[in-house]
């Protein structure tokens, strides 16, 4: 039986800039957005990075007893929604808080049931493309002022987009 794999660019351990609290970050490989001045341009090539099994990723992300939160970044996590949904289910069972960054808008992701499945495991989502002309260092966890931090469970429950309260 073949294990499901994810193409990744790498990991960041014990980050405090990729979401609230101390968290580990998984950088997925591949991004269709190609935002000018992207912070992670090495993640754009869908054939770059390495493939790793979901089991191995889960073990790596959950190995530090001080960390109870994970962020999916990239690249574009939603190009690997099916695989990340499987990983998110494992992380959820272990009690981890999960967030993600995307260049898509939350409302657009809701139109695709594959993306909606992944959204169902997220606690927050930073949505919208990075726009260099709107870049800012004053907003927490975002690179440009057009990006929103969305409270995904509340938004899914209410049927409208609700911003995450930091």
N, C-alpha and C. Protein backbone atom coordinates (compact mmCIF):
# COMPACT_ATOMS: atom_id res chain seq x y z
N UNK A 1 0.84 -1.18 0.00
CA UNK A 1 0.00 0.00 0.00
C UNK A 1 0.88 1.25 0.00
N UNK A 2 0.63 2.16 -0.92
CA UNK A 2 1.40 3.39 -1.01
C UNK A 2 0.88 4.41 -0.01
N UNK A 3 1.83 5.07 0.66
CA UNK A 3 1.45 6.14 1.57
C UNK A 3 1.22 7.42 0.79
N UNK A 4 0.26 8.21 1.23
CA UNK A 4 0.02 9.51 0.61
C UNK A 4 1.17 10.43 0.98
N UNK A 5 1.63 11.19 -0.01
CA UNK A 5 2.72 12.13 0.21
C UNK A 5 2.28 13.55 -0.11
N UNK A 6 3.05 14.49 0.40
CA UNK A 6 2.86 15.91 0.12
C UNK A 6 4.19 16.44 -0.37
N UNK A 7 4.14 17.31 -1.38
CA UNK A 7 5.36 17.97 -1.86
C UNK A 7 5.55 19.22 -1.01
N UNK A 8 6.69 19.27 -0.32
CA UNK A 8 6.94 20.37 0.61
C UNK A 8 8.23 21.11 0.26
N UNK A 9 8.31 22.34 0.74
CA UNK A 9 9.54 23.13 0.64
C UNK A 9 10.35 23.01 1.92
N UNK A 10 9.67 22.79 3.05
CA UNK A 10 10.39 22.64 4.31
C UNK A 10 9.52 22.90 5.52
N UNK A 11 10.19 23.01 6.67
CA UNK A 11 9.55 23.21 7.96
C UNK A 11 10.19 24.40 8.67
N UNK A 12 9.45 25.00 9.54
CA UNK A 12 9.99 26.00 10.47
C UNK A 12 9.50 25.60 11.85
N UNK A 13 10.41 25.43 12.77
CA UNK A 13 10.04 25.04 14.13
C UNK A 13 9.95 26.26 15.03
N UNK A 14 8.98 26.23 15.92
CA UNK A 14 8.82 27.23 16.97
C UNK A 14 8.74 28.66 16.42
N UNK A 15 7.87 28.88 15.47
CA UNK A 15 7.64 30.21 14.91
C UNK A 15 6.67 31.00 15.78
N UNK A 16 6.88 32.31 15.86
CA UNK A 16 5.93 33.19 16.53
C UNK A 16 5.38 34.23 15.55
N UNK A 17 5.71 34.10 14.27
CA UNK A 17 5.27 35.09 13.27
C UNK A 17 4.27 34.53 12.26
N UNK A 18 3.94 33.26 12.35
CA UNK A 18 3.06 32.61 11.37
C UNK A 18 1.71 32.24 11.97
N UNK A 19 1.26 33.02 12.93
CA UNK A 19 0.00 32.78 13.61
C UNK A 19 0.18 32.96 15.09
N UNK A 20 -0.92 33.00 15.83
CA UNK A 20 -0.83 33.24 17.27
C UNK A 20 -0.16 32.10 18.03
N UNK A 21 0.66 32.46 18.99
CA UNK A 21 1.33 31.49 19.84
C UNK A 21 2.54 30.86 19.19
N UNK A 22 3.11 29.93 19.89
CA UNK A 22 4.26 29.17 19.40
C UNK A 22 3.75 28.05 18.52
N UNK A 23 4.28 27.95 17.29
CA UNK A 23 3.75 26.97 16.34
C UNK A 23 4.83 26.48 15.41
N UNK A 24 4.60 25.31 14.85
CA UNK A 24 5.45 24.78 13.78
C UNK A 24 4.78 25.12 12.46
N UNK A 25 5.59 25.30 11.42
CA UNK A 25 5.08 25.70 10.12
C UNK A 25 5.51 24.69 9.07
N UNK A 26 4.57 24.30 8.24
CA UNK A 26 4.84 23.44 7.09
C UNK A 26 4.72 24.31 5.84
N UNK A 27 5.81 24.42 5.08
CA UNK A 27 5.79 25.16 3.83
C UNK A 27 5.60 24.17 2.69
N UNK A 28 4.45 24.24 2.04
CA UNK A 28 4.19 23.34 0.92
C UNK A 28 4.83 23.90 -0.34
N UNK A 29 5.04 23.04 -1.30
CA UNK A 29 5.69 23.42 -2.56
C UNK A 29 4.63 23.60 -3.65
N UNK A 30 4.81 24.62 -4.46
CA UNK A 30 3.93 24.88 -5.58
C UNK A 30 2.99 26.03 -5.31
N UNK A 31 2.98 27.02 -6.21
CA UNK A 31 2.09 28.16 -6.04
C UNK A 31 1.74 28.76 -7.40
N UNK A 32 0.45 28.83 -7.74
CA UNK A 32 0.04 29.40 -9.01
C UNK A 32 -0.04 30.93 -9.00
N UNK A 33 0.02 31.55 -7.83
CA UNK A 33 -0.21 33.00 -7.73
C UNK A 33 0.96 33.84 -8.23
N UNK A 34 2.18 33.41 -7.94
CA UNK A 34 3.39 34.12 -8.39
C UNK A 34 3.34 35.60 -8.01
N UNK A 35 2.98 35.91 -6.79
CA UNK A 35 2.88 37.31 -6.35
C UNK A 35 4.25 38.00 -6.46
N UNK A 36 4.30 39.16 -7.10
CA UNK A 36 5.56 39.90 -7.17
C UNK A 36 6.08 40.20 -5.76
N UNK A 37 7.37 40.02 -5.55
CA UNK A 37 8.04 40.26 -4.27
C UNK A 37 7.60 39.27 -3.19
N UNK A 38 7.17 38.10 -3.59
CA UNK A 38 6.77 37.06 -2.63
C UNK A 38 7.90 36.80 -1.64
N UNK A 39 7.52 36.54 -0.40
CA UNK A 39 8.48 36.23 0.66
C UNK A 39 9.13 34.85 0.47
N UNK A 40 8.45 33.94 -0.25
CA UNK A 40 8.93 32.57 -0.42
C UNK A 40 8.94 32.15 -1.90
N UNK A 41 9.64 32.86 -2.77
CA UNK A 41 9.58 32.53 -4.19
C UNK A 41 10.13 31.13 -4.53
N UNK A 42 10.97 30.59 -3.67
CA UNK A 42 11.51 29.26 -3.91
C UNK A 42 10.45 28.18 -3.80
N UNK A 43 9.28 28.52 -3.28
CA UNK A 43 8.19 27.55 -3.15
C UNK A 43 7.26 27.53 -4.35
N UNK A 44 7.48 28.38 -5.34
CA UNK A 44 6.54 28.49 -6.47
C UNK A 44 6.55 27.28 -7.40
N UNK A 45 7.71 26.73 -7.71
CA UNK A 45 7.82 25.63 -8.67
C UNK A 45 7.10 24.39 -8.14
N UNK A 46 6.06 23.92 -8.83
CA UNK A 46 5.32 22.75 -8.33
C UNK A 46 6.14 21.46 -8.35
N UNK A 47 7.25 21.47 -9.05
CA UNK A 47 8.11 20.28 -9.10
C UNK A 47 9.33 20.41 -8.19
N UNK A 48 9.44 21.53 -7.48
CA UNK A 48 10.56 21.72 -6.56
C UNK A 48 10.31 21.01 -5.25
N UNK A 49 11.17 21.29 -4.30
CA UNK A 49 11.01 20.71 -2.97
C UNK A 49 11.22 19.21 -2.95
N UNK A 50 10.62 18.57 -1.97
CA UNK A 50 10.72 17.12 -1.80
C UNK A 50 9.35 16.57 -1.45
N UNK A 51 9.16 15.29 -1.71
CA UNK A 51 7.92 14.64 -1.27
C UNK A 51 8.21 13.89 0.02
N UNK A 52 7.22 13.91 0.90
CA UNK A 52 7.35 13.26 2.20
C UNK A 52 5.97 12.69 2.56
N UNK A 53 5.98 11.59 3.26
CA UNK A 53 4.70 10.96 3.61
C UNK A 53 3.97 11.78 4.67
N UNK A 54 2.66 11.70 4.64
CA UNK A 54 1.85 12.40 5.62
C UNK A 54 2.20 11.91 7.03
N UNK A 55 2.45 10.64 7.17
CA UNK A 55 2.83 10.09 8.48
C UNK A 55 4.11 10.75 8.99
N UNK A 56 5.13 10.86 8.12
CA UNK A 56 6.39 11.49 8.53
C UNK A 56 6.21 12.96 8.88
N UNK A 57 5.40 13.67 8.10
CA UNK A 57 5.15 15.09 8.38
C UNK A 57 4.46 15.23 9.73
N UNK A 58 3.45 14.42 9.97
CA UNK A 58 2.72 14.49 11.24
C UNK A 58 3.67 14.24 12.42
N UNK A 59 4.54 13.26 12.29
CA UNK A 59 5.50 12.97 13.36
C UNK A 59 6.42 14.16 13.61
N UNK A 60 6.92 14.76 12.53
CA UNK A 60 7.83 15.90 12.66
C UNK A 60 7.12 17.10 13.29
N UNK A 61 5.91 17.40 12.81
CA UNK A 61 5.19 18.58 13.29
C UNK A 61 4.74 18.45 14.75
N UNK A 62 4.55 17.23 15.22
CA UNK A 62 4.01 17.03 16.57
C UNK A 62 5.06 16.54 17.57
N UNK A 63 6.32 16.55 17.19
CA UNK A 63 7.37 15.97 18.05
C UNK A 63 7.79 16.86 19.21
N UNK A 64 7.55 18.16 19.14
CA UNK A 64 7.95 19.07 20.20
C UNK A 64 6.81 19.21 21.21
N UNK A 65 7.01 18.79 22.46
CA UNK A 65 5.92 18.84 23.43
C UNK A 65 5.51 20.27 23.83
N UNK A 66 6.31 21.26 23.45
CA UNK A 66 5.97 22.65 23.76
C UNK A 66 5.06 23.30 22.73
N UNK A 67 4.92 22.66 21.56
CA UNK A 67 4.18 23.25 20.45
C UNK A 67 2.85 22.51 20.26
N UNK A 68 1.76 23.29 20.22
CA UNK A 68 0.42 22.71 20.04
C UNK A 68 -0.35 23.40 18.94
N UNK A 69 0.40 24.01 18.00
CA UNK A 69 -0.24 24.72 16.90
C UNK A 69 0.62 24.56 15.64
N UNK A 70 -0.06 24.50 14.50
CA UNK A 70 0.60 24.28 13.21
C UNK A 70 0.05 25.30 12.23
N UNK A 71 0.90 25.78 11.33
CA UNK A 71 0.46 26.62 10.22
C UNK A 71 0.90 25.99 8.91
N UNK A 72 -0.03 25.92 7.96
CA UNK A 72 0.28 25.51 6.59
C UNK A 72 0.54 26.79 5.79
N UNK A 73 1.72 26.88 5.22
CA UNK A 73 2.09 28.05 4.43
C UNK A 73 2.65 27.55 3.11
N UNK A 74 3.31 28.41 2.39
CA UNK A 74 3.79 27.94 1.10
C UNK A 74 4.74 28.89 0.45
N UNK A 75 4.58 28.63 -0.81
CA UNK A 75 3.66 27.96 -1.70
C UNK A 75 2.19 28.28 -1.38
N UNK A 76 1.38 27.49 -2.00
CA UNK A 76 -0.08 27.62 -1.84
C UNK A 76 -0.63 26.31 -1.30
N UNK A 77 -0.99 26.29 0.00
CA UNK A 77 -1.51 25.05 0.58
C UNK A 77 -2.70 24.45 -0.16
N UNK A 78 -3.56 25.28 -0.72
CA UNK A 78 -4.79 24.74 -1.31
C UNK A 78 -4.58 24.07 -2.66
N UNK A 79 -3.35 24.07 -3.19
CA UNK A 79 -3.09 23.24 -4.38
C UNK A 79 -2.89 21.78 -3.97
N UNK A 80 -2.76 21.54 -2.67
CA UNK A 80 -2.64 20.18 -2.15
C UNK A 80 -3.70 19.95 -1.06
N UNK A 81 -4.90 20.43 -1.32
CA UNK A 81 -5.98 20.35 -0.32
C UNK A 81 -6.28 18.93 0.13
N UNK A 82 -6.35 18.00 -0.81
CA UNK A 82 -6.68 16.61 -0.43
C UNK A 82 -5.66 16.05 0.56
N UNK A 83 -4.40 16.24 0.25
CA UNK A 83 -3.34 15.72 1.10
C UNK A 83 -3.31 16.43 2.45
N UNK A 84 -3.44 17.75 2.43
CA UNK A 84 -3.41 18.50 3.68
C UNK A 84 -4.63 18.22 4.54
N UNK A 85 -5.75 17.86 3.94
CA UNK A 85 -6.93 17.48 4.72
C UNK A 85 -6.63 16.21 5.50
N UNK A 86 -5.94 15.26 4.88
CA UNK A 86 -5.56 14.04 5.59
C UNK A 86 -4.61 14.36 6.76
N UNK A 87 -3.64 15.23 6.51
CA UNK A 87 -2.71 15.63 7.57
C UNK A 87 -3.45 16.38 8.67
N UNK A 88 -4.32 17.31 8.29
CA UNK A 88 -5.07 18.09 9.27
C UNK A 88 -5.92 17.20 10.16
N UNK A 89 -6.49 16.14 9.61
CA UNK A 89 -7.29 15.21 10.41
C UNK A 89 -6.44 14.56 11.50
N UNK A 90 -5.22 14.19 11.17
CA UNK A 90 -4.30 13.60 12.15
C UNK A 90 -3.94 14.63 13.22
N UNK A 91 -3.60 15.84 12.78
CA UNK A 91 -3.22 16.91 13.72
C UNK A 91 -4.40 17.27 14.63
N UNK A 92 -5.60 17.30 14.07
CA UNK A 92 -6.80 17.61 14.83
C UNK A 92 -7.03 16.56 15.92
N UNK A 93 -6.85 15.30 15.57
CA UNK A 93 -7.02 14.21 16.54
C UNK A 93 -6.03 14.33 17.69
N UNK A 94 -4.87 14.93 17.42
CA UNK A 94 -3.85 15.11 18.45
C UNK A 94 -4.03 16.42 19.21
N UNK A 95 -5.09 17.17 18.88
CA UNK A 95 -5.41 18.39 19.62
C UNK A 95 -4.69 19.65 19.18
N UNK A 96 -4.13 19.63 18.00
CA UNK A 96 -3.39 20.80 17.51
C UNK A 96 -4.33 21.85 16.92
N UNK A 97 -4.02 23.12 17.18
CA UNK A 97 -4.69 24.23 16.53
C UNK A 97 -4.03 24.36 15.16
N UNK A 98 -4.83 24.62 14.10
CA UNK A 98 -4.30 24.64 12.74
C UNK A 98 -4.72 25.93 12.04
N UNK A 99 -3.75 26.57 11.42
CA UNK A 99 -4.01 27.75 10.60
C UNK A 99 -3.38 27.57 9.24
N UNK A 100 -3.73 28.46 8.32
CA UNK A 100 -3.15 28.38 6.97
C UNK A 100 -3.12 29.76 6.33
N UNK A 101 -2.20 29.88 5.39
CA UNK A 101 -2.11 31.06 4.53
C UNK A 101 -2.53 30.64 3.13
N UNK A 102 -3.22 31.53 2.42
CA UNK A 102 -3.60 31.27 1.04
C UNK A 102 -3.64 32.57 0.25
N UNK A 103 -3.34 32.47 -1.02
CA UNK A 103 -3.49 33.61 -1.93
C UNK A 103 -4.90 33.72 -2.47
N UNK A 104 -5.72 32.71 -2.22
CA UNK A 104 -7.12 32.74 -2.63
C UNK A 104 -7.95 33.50 -1.60
N UNK A 105 -9.15 33.90 -1.99
CA UNK A 105 -10.09 34.48 -1.04
C UNK A 105 -10.91 33.35 -0.42
N UNK A 106 -11.23 33.50 0.85
CA UNK A 106 -12.01 32.52 1.58
C UNK A 106 -13.30 32.16 0.84
N UNK A 107 -13.99 33.18 0.35
CA UNK A 107 -15.26 32.97 -0.33
C UNK A 107 -15.09 32.12 -1.60
N UNK A 108 -13.98 32.27 -2.29
CA UNK A 108 -13.70 31.46 -3.48
C UNK A 108 -13.40 30.01 -3.11
N UNK A 109 -12.69 29.80 -2.01
CA UNK A 109 -12.38 28.44 -1.56
C UNK A 109 -13.65 27.67 -1.21
N UNK A 110 -14.64 28.38 -0.71
CA UNK A 110 -15.90 27.73 -0.31
C UNK A 110 -16.65 27.12 -1.49
N UNK A 111 -16.31 27.52 -2.70
CA UNK A 111 -17.00 27.01 -3.90
C UNK A 111 -16.54 25.61 -4.29
N UNK A 112 -15.47 25.13 -3.68
CA UNK A 112 -14.91 23.83 -4.04
C UNK A 112 -14.96 22.90 -2.82
N UNK A 113 -15.68 21.79 -2.91
CA UNK A 113 -15.79 20.90 -1.74
C UNK A 113 -14.46 20.31 -1.28
N UNK A 114 -13.49 20.19 -2.17
CA UNK A 114 -12.17 19.69 -1.76
C UNK A 114 -11.50 20.71 -0.84
N UNK A 115 -11.61 21.98 -1.19
CA UNK A 115 -11.04 23.03 -0.34
C UNK A 115 -11.84 23.19 0.95
N UNK A 116 -13.15 23.07 0.85
CA UNK A 116 -14.01 23.20 2.02
C UNK A 116 -13.69 22.12 3.05
N UNK A 117 -13.33 20.94 2.59
CA UNK A 117 -12.95 19.86 3.52
C UNK A 117 -11.74 20.27 4.35
N UNK A 118 -10.75 20.88 3.72
CA UNK A 118 -9.58 21.34 4.46
C UNK A 118 -9.96 22.49 5.39
N UNK A 119 -10.77 23.42 4.91
CA UNK A 119 -11.20 24.54 5.75
C UNK A 119 -11.86 24.05 7.04
N UNK A 120 -12.55 22.92 6.97
CA UNK A 120 -13.22 22.37 8.13
C UNK A 120 -12.30 22.02 9.29
N UNK A 121 -11.01 21.90 9.03
CA UNK A 121 -10.04 21.60 10.08
C UNK A 121 -9.27 22.83 10.57
N UNK A 122 -9.47 23.97 9.92
CA UNK A 122 -8.68 25.16 10.25
C UNK A 122 -9.35 26.00 11.32
N UNK A 123 -8.51 26.57 12.19
CA UNK A 123 -8.98 27.52 13.19
C UNK A 123 -8.93 28.94 12.64
N UNK A 124 -7.93 29.22 11.81
CA UNK A 124 -7.86 30.53 11.17
C UNK A 124 -7.27 30.37 9.77
N UNK A 125 -7.56 31.36 8.94
CA UNK A 125 -7.05 31.41 7.57
C UNK A 125 -6.65 32.85 7.28
N UNK A 126 -5.41 33.04 6.82
CA UNK A 126 -4.99 34.33 6.29
C UNK A 126 -5.20 34.23 4.79
N UNK A 127 -6.12 35.04 4.27
CA UNK A 127 -6.46 34.92 2.85
C UNK A 127 -6.05 36.15 2.05
N UNK A 128 -6.01 35.96 0.74
CA UNK A 128 -5.71 37.04 -0.19
C UNK A 128 -4.25 37.03 -0.62
N UNK A 129 -4.01 37.47 -1.84
CA UNK A 129 -2.63 37.49 -2.35
C UNK A 129 -1.81 38.56 -1.65
N UNK A 130 -0.50 38.35 -1.61
CA UNK A 130 0.40 39.41 -1.16
C UNK A 130 0.46 40.46 -2.25
N UNK A 131 0.17 41.70 -1.88
CA UNK A 131 0.24 42.81 -2.83
C UNK A 131 1.32 43.77 -2.34
N UNK A 132 2.40 43.83 -3.10
CA UNK A 132 3.57 44.60 -2.69
C UNK A 132 3.22 46.06 -2.37
N UNK A 133 2.36 46.67 -3.17
CA UNK A 133 1.99 48.07 -2.96
C UNK A 133 1.20 48.28 -1.66
N UNK A 134 0.69 47.19 -1.09
CA UNK A 134 -0.07 47.28 0.17
C UNK A 134 0.69 46.61 1.32
N UNK A 135 1.98 46.38 1.14
CA UNK A 135 2.76 45.70 2.18
C UNK A 135 2.76 46.53 3.46
N UNK A 136 2.85 45.81 4.57
CA UNK A 136 2.85 46.46 5.87
C UNK A 136 3.59 45.60 6.88
N UNK A 137 4.21 46.25 7.83
CA UNK A 137 4.82 45.54 8.95
C UNK A 137 4.02 45.76 10.22
N UNK A 138 2.93 46.52 10.13
CA UNK A 138 2.16 46.88 11.32
C UNK A 138 1.01 45.93 11.63
N UNK A 139 0.62 45.08 10.71
CA UNK A 139 -0.48 44.14 10.95
C UNK A 139 0.07 42.78 11.33
N UNK A 140 -0.42 42.20 12.41
CA UNK A 140 0.10 40.89 12.81
C UNK A 140 -0.22 39.80 11.79
N UNK A 141 0.79 38.97 11.52
CA UNK A 141 0.66 37.74 10.72
C UNK A 141 0.27 37.94 9.27
N UNK A 142 0.39 39.17 8.75
CA UNK A 142 0.05 39.45 7.35
C UNK A 142 1.15 40.27 6.71
N UNK A 143 1.30 40.11 5.39
CA UNK A 143 2.31 40.86 4.66
C UNK A 143 1.79 42.09 3.97
N UNK A 144 0.48 42.10 3.66
CA UNK A 144 -0.11 43.27 3.00
C UNK A 144 -1.50 43.52 3.57
N UNK A 145 -1.92 44.79 3.51
CA UNK A 145 -3.14 45.21 4.19
C UNK A 145 -4.42 44.64 3.60
N UNK A 146 -4.38 44.09 2.41
CA UNK A 146 -5.57 43.47 1.82
C UNK A 146 -5.87 42.10 2.42
N UNK A 147 -4.91 41.50 3.08
CA UNK A 147 -5.08 40.16 3.62
C UNK A 147 -5.89 40.20 4.91
N UNK A 148 -6.74 39.19 5.08
CA UNK A 148 -7.60 39.09 6.26
C UNK A 148 -7.24 37.85 7.06
N UNK A 149 -7.45 37.91 8.36
CA UNK A 149 -7.35 36.72 9.21
C UNK A 149 -8.78 36.32 9.55
N UNK A 150 -9.17 35.16 9.07
CA UNK A 150 -10.55 34.71 9.17
C UNK A 150 -10.71 33.64 10.24
N UNK A 151 -11.73 33.78 11.06
CA UNK A 151 -12.10 32.76 12.03
C UNK A 151 -12.90 31.72 11.25
N UNK A 152 -12.25 30.64 10.88
CA UNK A 152 -12.88 29.67 9.98
C UNK A 152 -14.06 28.95 10.62
N UNK A 153 -13.94 28.40 11.84
CA UNK A 153 -15.11 27.71 12.40
C UNK A 153 -16.34 28.62 12.53
N UNK A 154 -16.14 29.85 13.00
CA UNK A 154 -17.27 30.77 13.13
C UNK A 154 -17.85 31.14 11.77
N UNK A 155 -16.97 31.33 10.80
CA UNK A 155 -17.43 31.68 9.45
C UNK A 155 -18.23 30.54 8.83
N UNK A 156 -17.75 29.32 8.96
CA UNK A 156 -18.47 28.17 8.40
C UNK A 156 -19.82 27.99 9.10
N UNK A 157 -19.84 28.19 10.40
CA UNK A 157 -21.08 28.02 11.16
C UNK A 157 -22.11 29.10 10.82
N UNK A 158 -21.66 30.33 10.66
CA UNK A 158 -22.58 31.45 10.45
C UNK A 158 -22.96 31.66 8.99
N UNK A 159 -22.14 31.13 8.08
CA UNK A 159 -22.40 31.34 6.66
C UNK A 159 -21.93 32.69 6.16
N UNK A 160 -21.17 33.41 6.98
CA UNK A 160 -20.60 34.69 6.54
C UNK A 160 -19.17 34.78 7.07
N UNK A 161 -18.36 35.59 6.42
CA UNK A 161 -16.95 35.72 6.78
C UNK A 161 -16.82 36.53 8.08
N UNK A 162 -16.21 35.90 9.07
CA UNK A 162 -15.98 36.55 10.37
C UNK A 162 -14.48 36.61 10.61
N UNK A 163 -14.00 37.80 10.94
CA UNK A 163 -12.57 37.99 11.17
C UNK A 163 -12.16 37.38 12.52
N UNK A 164 -10.94 36.86 12.54
CA UNK A 164 -10.36 36.24 13.72
C UNK A 164 -9.94 37.34 14.69
N UNK A 165 -10.26 37.18 15.95
CA UNK A 165 -9.86 38.15 16.97
C UNK A 165 -8.56 37.72 17.62
N UNK A 166 -7.54 38.55 17.43
CA UNK A 166 -6.21 38.22 17.99
C UNK A 166 -6.11 38.77 19.41
